Amino acid sequence: MPKMKTNRAAAKRFKVTGTGRVRRPKAGGQHCMNGKSRKRRRRLRDNDMVAPAMEHRVKIMLPYG
């Protein structure tokens, strides 16, 4: 049987936790930090969870996640 292919774009963006939930980084936290308030930058630091409605779609792209 051939191996299933992981969607590489999804693999770089999402990680599956030990309990099976999917973690994602928050949007807008990569560049142009000077224009954002300190409070906003602090909120962007931590990862967030993918919504339960979208979790199934992400897990299809990460077969070994």
PDB file of N, CA and C in Angstrom:
ATOM      1  N   MET A   1       0.838  -1.190   0.000  1.00  0.00           N
ATOM      2  CA  MET A   1       0.000   0.000   0.000  1.00  0.00           C
ATOM      3  C   MET A   1       0.878   1.248   0.000  1.00  0.00           C
ATOM      4  N   PRO A   2       0.605   2.214  -0.866  1.00  0.00           N
ATOM      5  CA  PRO A   2       1.411   3.436  -0.834  1.00  0.00           C
ATOM      6  C   PRO A   2       1.094   4.286   0.389  1.00  0.00           C
ATOM      7  N   LYS A   3       2.055   5.102   0.751  1.00  0.00           N
ATOM      8  CA  LYS A   3       1.842   6.000   1.890  1.00  0.00           C
ATOM      9  C   LYS A   3       0.901   7.132   1.493  1.00  0.00           C
ATOM     10  N   MET A   4       0.179   7.652   2.481  1.00  0.00           N
ATOM     11  CA  MET A   4      -0.664   8.818   2.241  1.00  0.00           C
ATOM     12  C   MET A   4       0.209  10.063   2.259  1.00  0.00           C
ATOM     13  N   LYS A   5      -0.154  11.037   1.449  1.00  0.00           N
ATOM     14  CA  LYS A   5       0.633  12.265   1.385  1.00  0.00           C
ATOM     15  C   LYS A   5       0.078  13.292   2.368  1.00  0.00           C
ATOM     16  N   THR A   6       0.986  13.897   3.125  1.00  0.00           N
ATOM     17  CA  THR A   6       0.629  14.999   4.012  1.00  0.00           C
ATOM     18  C   THR A   6       0.633  16.286   3.203  1.00  0.00           C
ATOM     19  N   ASN A   7      -0.357  17.112   3.409  1.00  0.00           N
ATOM     20  CA  ASN A   7      -0.375  18.432   2.785  1.00  0.00           C
ATOM     21  C   ASN A   7       0.692  19.275   3.487  1.00  0.00           C
ATOM     22  N   ARG A   8       1.760  19.608   2.772  1.00  0.00           N
ATOM     23  CA  ARG A   8       2.909  20.262   3.400  1.00  0.00           C
ATOM     24  C   ARG A   8       2.574  21.670   3.879  1.00  0.00           C
ATOM     25  N   ALA A   9       1.685  22.371   3.176  1.00  0.00           N
ATOM     26  CA  ALA A   9       1.291  23.712   3.614  1.00  0.00           C
ATOM     27  C   ALA A   9       0.581  23.630   4.956  1.00  0.00           C
ATOM     28  N   ALA A  10      -0.274  22.625   5.132  1.00  0.00           N
ATOM     29  CA  ALA A  10      -0.996  22.458   6.398  1.00  0.00           C
ATOM     30  C   ALA A  10      -0.044  22.022   7.510  1.00  0.00           C
ATOM     31  N   ALA A  11       0.933  21.182   7.172  1.00  0.00           N
ATOM     32  CA  ALA A  11       1.873  20.683   8.175  1.00  0.00           C
ATOM     33  C   ALA A  11       2.696  21.814   8.780  1.00  0.00           C
ATOM     34  N   LYS A  12       2.950  22.863   7.978  1.00  0.00           N
ATOM     35  CA  LYS A  12       3.731  23.991   8.472  1.00  0.00           C
ATOM     36  C   LYS A  12       2.889  24.926   9.332  1.00  0.00           C
ATOM     37  N   ARG A  13       1.565  24.841   9.223  1.00  0.00           N
ATOM     38  CA  ARG A  13       0.677  25.771   9.929  1.00  0.00           C
ATOM     39  C   ARG A  13       0.000  25.179  11.147  1.00  0.00           C
ATOM     40  N   PHE A  14      -0.218  23.865  11.153  1.00  0.00           N
ATOM     41  CA  PHE A  14      -1.001  23.235  12.217  1.00  0.00           C
ATOM     42  C   PHE A  14      -0.208  22.148  12.914  1.00  0.00           C
ATOM     43  N   LYS A  15      -0.508  21.948  14.211  1.00  0.00           N
ATOM     44  CA  LYS A  15       0.056  20.839  14.981  1.00  0.00           C
ATOM     45  C   LYS A  15      -1.091  20.185  15.735  1.00  0.00           C
ATOM     46  N   VAL A  16      -1.078  18.857  15.791  1.00  0.00           N
ATOM     47  CA  VAL A  16      -2.114  18.138  16.523  1.00  0.00           C
ATOM     48  C   VAL A  16      -1.611  17.899  17.942  1.00  0.00           C
ATOM     49  N   THR A  17      -2.450  18.214  18.931  1.00  0.00           N
ATOM     50  CA  THR A  17      -2.068  18.051  20.332  1.00  0.00           C
ATOM     51  C   THR A  17      -2.219  16.592  20.749  1.00  0.00           C
ATOM     52  N   GLY A  18      -1.800  16.290  21.958  1.00  0.00           N
ATOM     53  CA  GLY A  18      -1.900  14.930  22.474  1.00  0.00           C
ATOM     54  C   GLY A  18      -3.336  14.452  22.606  1.00  0.00           C
ATOM     55  N   THR A  19      -4.249  15.383  22.858  1.00  0.00           N
ATOM     56  CA  THR A  19      -5.656  15.013  23.006  1.00  0.00           C
ATOM     57  C   THR A  19      -6.391  14.974  21.672  1.00  0.00           C
ATOM     58  N   GLY A  20      -5.704  15.350  20.579  1.00  0.00           N
ATOM     59  CA  GLY A  20      -6.319  15.284  19.266  1.00  0.00           C
ATOM     60  C   GLY A  20      -6.858  16.602  18.751  1.00  0.00           C
ATOM     61  N   ARG A  21      -6.781  17.653  19.546  1.00  0.00           N
ATOM     62  CA  ARG A  21      -7.197  18.972  19.053  1.00  0.00           C
ATOM     63  C   ARG A  21      -6.111  19.516  18.126  1.00  0.00           C
ATOM     64  N   VAL A  22      -6.453  20.546  17.332  1.00  0.00           N
ATOM     65  CA  VAL A  22      -5.499  21.109  16.364  1.00  0.00           C
ATOM     66  C   VAL A  22      -5.161  22.529  16.784  1.00  0.00           C
ATOM     67  N   ARG A  23      -3.857  22.797  16.903  1.00  0.00           N
ATOM     68  CA  ARG A  23      -3.375  24.132  17.269  1.00  0.00           C
ATOM     69  C   ARG A  23      -3.003  24.907  16.029  1.00  0.00           C
ATOM     70  N   ARG A  24      -3.178  26.228  16.096  1.00  0.00           N
ATOM     71  CA  ARG A  24      -2.809  27.087  14.970  1.00  0.00           C
ATOM     72  C   ARG A  24      -2.269  28.399  15.516  1.00  0.00           C
ATOM     73  N   PRO A  25      -1.379  29.070  14.775  1.00  0.00           N
ATOM     74  CA  PRO A  25      -0.958  30.407  15.207  1.00  0.00           C
ATOM     75  C   PRO A  25      -2.044  31.422  14.906  1.00  0.00           C
ATOM     76  N   LYS A  26      -2.056  32.500  15.651  1.00  0.00           N
ATOM     77  CA  LYS A  26      -3.040  33.557  15.411  1.00  0.00           C
ATOM     78  C   LYS A  26      -2.631  34.378  14.195  1.00  0.00           C
ATOM     79  N   ALA A  27      -3.626  34.887  13.488  1.00  0.00           N
ATOM     80  CA  ALA A  27      -3.367  35.644  12.272  1.00  0.00           C
ATOM     81  C   ALA A  27      -2.801  37.017  12.606  1.00  0.00           C
ATOM     82  N   GLY A  28      -1.881  37.504  11.759  1.00  0.00           N
ATOM     83  CA  GLY A  28      -1.359  38.858  11.889  1.00  0.00           C
ATOM     84  C   GLY A  28      -0.173  38.991  12.813  1.00  0.00           C
ATOM     85  N   GLY A  29       0.478  37.891  13.155  1.00  0.00           N
ATOM     86  CA  GLY A  29       1.587  37.967  14.098  1.00  0.00           C
ATOM     87  C   GLY A  29       2.956  37.758  13.501  1.00  0.00           C
ATOM     88  N   GLN A  30       3.110  37.983  12.196  1.00  0.00           N
ATOM     89  CA  GLN A  30       4.386  37.685  11.543  1.00  0.00           C
ATOM     90  C   GLN A  30       5.256  38.908  11.286  1.00  0.00           C
ATOM     91  N   HIS A  31       4.659  40.001  10.873  1.00  0.00           N
ATOM     92  CA  HIS A  31       5.481  41.171  10.524  1.00  0.00           C
ATOM     93  C   HIS A  31       4.685  42.442  10.789  1.00  0.00           C
ATOM     94  N   CYS A  32       5.328  43.604  10.545  1.00  0.00           N
ATOM     95  CA  CYS A  32       4.724  44.931  10.793  1.00  0.00           C
ATOM     96  C   CYS A  32       4.311  45.082  12.253  1.00  0.00           C
ATOM     97  N   MET A  33       5.194  44.689  13.155  1.00  0.00           N
ATOM     98  CA  MET A  33       4.855  44.740  14.578  1.00  0.00           C
ATOM     99  C   MET A  33       4.880  46.168  15.130  1.00  0.00           C
ATOM    100  N   ASN A  34       5.601  47.078  14.465  1.00  0.00           N
ATOM    101  CA  ASN A  34       5.699  48.445  14.980  1.00  0.00           C
ATOM    102  C   ASN A  34       4.358  49.150  14.976  1.00  0.00           C
ATOM    103  N   GLY A  35       3.488  48.804  14.041  1.00  0.00           N
ATOM    104  CA  GLY A  35       2.199  49.464  13.949  1.00  0.00           C
ATOM    105  C   GLY A  35       1.153  48.907  14.886  1.00  0.00           C
ATOM    106  N   LYS A  36       1.493  47.829  15.599  1.00  0.00           N
ATOM    107  CA  LYS A  36       0.529  47.186  16.490  1.00  0.00           C
ATOM    108  C   LYS A  36       0.817  47.563  17.932  1.00  0.00           C
ATOM    109  N   SER A  37      -0.221  47.641  18.727  1.00  0.00           N
ATOM    110  CA  SER A  37      -0.049  48.023  20.122  1.00  0.00           C
ATOM    111  C   SER A  37       0.621  46.884  20.892  1.00  0.00           C
ATOM    112  N   ARG A  38       1.195  47.213  22.025  1.00  0.00           N
ATOM    113  CA  ARG A  38       1.871  46.220  22.845  1.00  0.00           C
ATOM    114  C   ARG A  38       0.882  45.143  23.311  1.00  0.00           C
ATOM    115  N   LYS A  39      -0.328  45.583  23.652  1.00  0.00           N
ATOM    116  CA  LYS A  39      -1.369  44.648  24.092  1.00  0.00           C
ATOM    117  C   LYS A  39      -1.728  43.664  22.966  1.00  0.00           C
ATOM    118  N   ARG A  40      -1.816  44.184  21.763  1.00  0.00           N
ATOM    119  CA  ARG A  40      -2.162  43.340  20.623  1.00  0.00           C
ATOM    120  C   ARG A  40      -1.055  42.346  20.304  1.00  0.00           C
ATOM    121  N   ARG A  41       0.198  42.798  20.371  1.00  0.00           N
ATOM    122  CA  ARG A  41       1.332  41.898  20.129  1.00  0.00           C
ATOM    123  C   ARG A  41       1.379  40.793  21.174  1.00  0.00           C
ATOM    124  N   ARG A  42       1.073  41.128  22.409  1.00  0.00           N
ATOM    125  CA  ARG A  42       1.074  40.145  23.490  1.00  0.00           C
ATOM    126  C   ARG A  42      -0.005  39.085  23.252  1.00  0.00           C
ATOM    127  N   ARG A  43      -1.168  39.510  22.780  1.00  0.00           N
ATOM    128  CA  ARG A  43      -2.256  38.567  22.506  1.00  0.00           C
ATOM    129  C   ARG A  43      -1.928  37.646  21.329  1.00  0.00           C
ATOM    130  N   LEU A  44      -1.116  38.132  20.394  1.00  0.00           N
ATOM    131  CA  LEU A  44      -0.780  37.337  19.214  1.00  0.00           C
ATOM    132  C   LEU A  44       0.275  36.269  19.495  1.00  0.00           C
ATOM    133  N   ARG A  45       0.935  36.340  20.648  1.00  0.00           N
ATOM    134  CA  ARG A  45       2.027  35.415  20.936  1.00  0.00           C
ATOM    135  C   ARG A  45       1.577  33.962  21.021  1.00  0.00           C
ATOM    136  N   ASP A  46       0.540  33.695  21.800  1.00  0.00           N
ATOM    137  CA  ASP A  46       0.158  32.317  22.074  1.00  0.00           C
ATOM    138  C   ASP A  46      -0.583  31.704  20.887  1.00  0.00           C
ATOM    139  N   ASN A  47      -0.470  30.381  20.763  1.00  0.00           N
ATOM    140  CA  ASN A  47      -1.216  29.675  19.736  1.00  0.00           C
ATOM    141  C   ASN A  47      -2.677  29.575  20.144  1.00  0.00           C
ATOM    142  N   ASP A  48      -3.518  29.327  19.154  1.00  0.00           N
ATOM    143  CA  ASP A  48      -4.949  29.216  19.363  1.00  0.00           C
ATOM    144  C   ASP A  48      -5.380  27.835  18.886  1.00  0.00           C
ATOM    145  N   MET A  49      -6.623  27.479  19.140  1.00  0.00           N
ATOM    146  CA  MET A  49      -7.149  26.195  18.671  1.00  0.00           C
ATOM    147  C   MET A  49      -7.992  26.413  17.421  1.00  0.00           C
ATOM    148  N   VAL A  50      -7.965  25.436  16.538  1.00  0.00           N
ATOM    149  CA  VAL A  50      -8.826  25.467  15.360  1.00  0.00           C
ATOM    150  C   VAL A  50     -10.254  25.207  15.826  1.00  0.00           C
ATOM    151  N   ALA A  51     -11.220  25.886  15.218  1.00  0.00           N
ATOM    152  CA  ALA A  51     -12.627  25.715  15.583  1.00  0.00           C
ATOM    153  C   ALA A  51     -13.053  24.267  15.347  1.00  0.00           C
ATOM    154  N   PRO A  52     -13.910  23.739  16.204  1.00  0.00           N
ATOM    155  CA  PRO A  52     -14.347  22.339  16.041  1.00  0.00           C
ATOM    156  C   PRO A  52     -14.967  22.049  14.676  1.00  0.00           C
ATOM    157  N   ALA A  53     -15.630  23.044  14.070  1.00  0.00           N
ATOM    158  CA  ALA A  53     -16.240  22.838  12.759  1.00  0.00           C
ATOM    159  C   ALA A  53     -15.191  22.624  11.672  1.00  0.00           C
ATOM    160  N   MET A  54     -14.002  23.224  11.831  1.00  0.00           N
ATOM    161  CA  MET A  54     -12.955  23.116  10.811  1.00  0.00           C
ATOM    162  C   MET A  54     -11.932  22.032  11.127  1.00  0.00           C
ATOM    163  N   GLU A  55     -11.974  21.493  12.333  1.00  0.00           N
ATOM    164  CA  GLU A  55     -10.966  20.533  12.779  1.00  0.00           C
ATOM    165  C   GLU A  55     -10.893  19.309  11.858  1.00  0.00           C
ATOM    166  N   HIS A  56     -12.031  18.804  11.458  1.00  0.00           N
ATOM    167  CA  HIS A  56     -12.066  17.608  10.614  1.00  0.00           C
ATOM    168  C   HIS A  56     -11.383  17.861   9.271  1.00  0.00           C
ATOM    169  N   ARG A  57     -11.589  19.053   8.693  1.00  0.00           N
ATOM    170  CA  ARG A  57     -10.978  19.382   7.402  1.00  0.00           C
ATOM    171  C   ARG A  57      -9.458  19.433   7.518  1.00  0.00           C
ATOM    172  N   VAL A  58      -8.961  19.978   8.633  1.00  0.00           N
ATOM    173  CA  VAL A  58      -7.511  20.083   8.822  1.00  0.00           C
ATOM    174  C   VAL A  58      -6.904  18.701   9.017  1.00  0.00           C
ATOM    175  N   LYS A  59      -7.598  17.829   9.776  1.00  0.00           N
ATOM    176  CA  LYS A  59      -7.055  16.498  10.047  1.00  0.00           C
ATOM    177  C   LYS A  59      -6.974  15.641   8.799  1.00  0.00           C
ATOM    178  N   ILE A  60      -7.828  15.907   7.807  1.00  0.00           N
ATOM    179  CA  ILE A  60      -7.740  15.184   6.535  1.00  0.00           C
ATOM    180  C   ILE A  60      -6.413  15.512   5.854  1.00  0.00           C
ATOM    181  N   MET A  61      -5.961  16.764   5.978  1.00  0.00           N
ATOM    182  CA  MET A  61      -4.703  17.176   5.353  1.00  0.00           C
ATOM    183  C   MET A  61      -3.492  16.684   6.132  1.00  0.00           C
ATOM    184  N   LEU A  62      -3.681  16.282   7.397  1.00  0.00           N
ATOM    185  CA  LEU A  62      -2.589  15.778   8.238  1.00  0.00           C
ATOM    186  C   LEU A  62      -2.871  14.322   8.616  1.00  0.00           C
ATOM    187  N   PRO A  63      -2.705  13.373   7.707  1.00  0.00           N
ATOM    188  CA  PRO A  63      -3.091  11.994   8.007  1.00  0.00           C
ATOM    189  C   PRO A  63      -2.286  11.361   9.137  1.00  0.00           C
ATOM    190  N   TYR A  64      -1.059  11.808   9.352  1.00  0.00           N
ATOM    191  CA  TYR A  64      -0.228  11.215  10.407  1.00  0.00           C
ATOM    192  C   TYR A  64      -0.076  12.142  11.604  1.00  0.00           C
ATOM    193  N   GLY A  65      -0.892  13.176  11.689  1.00  0.00           N
ATOM    194  CA  GLY A  65      -0.793  14.166  12.749  1.00  0.00           C
ATOM    195  C   GLY A  65      -1.287  13.692  14.085  1.00  0.00           C
TER     196      GLY A  65
END
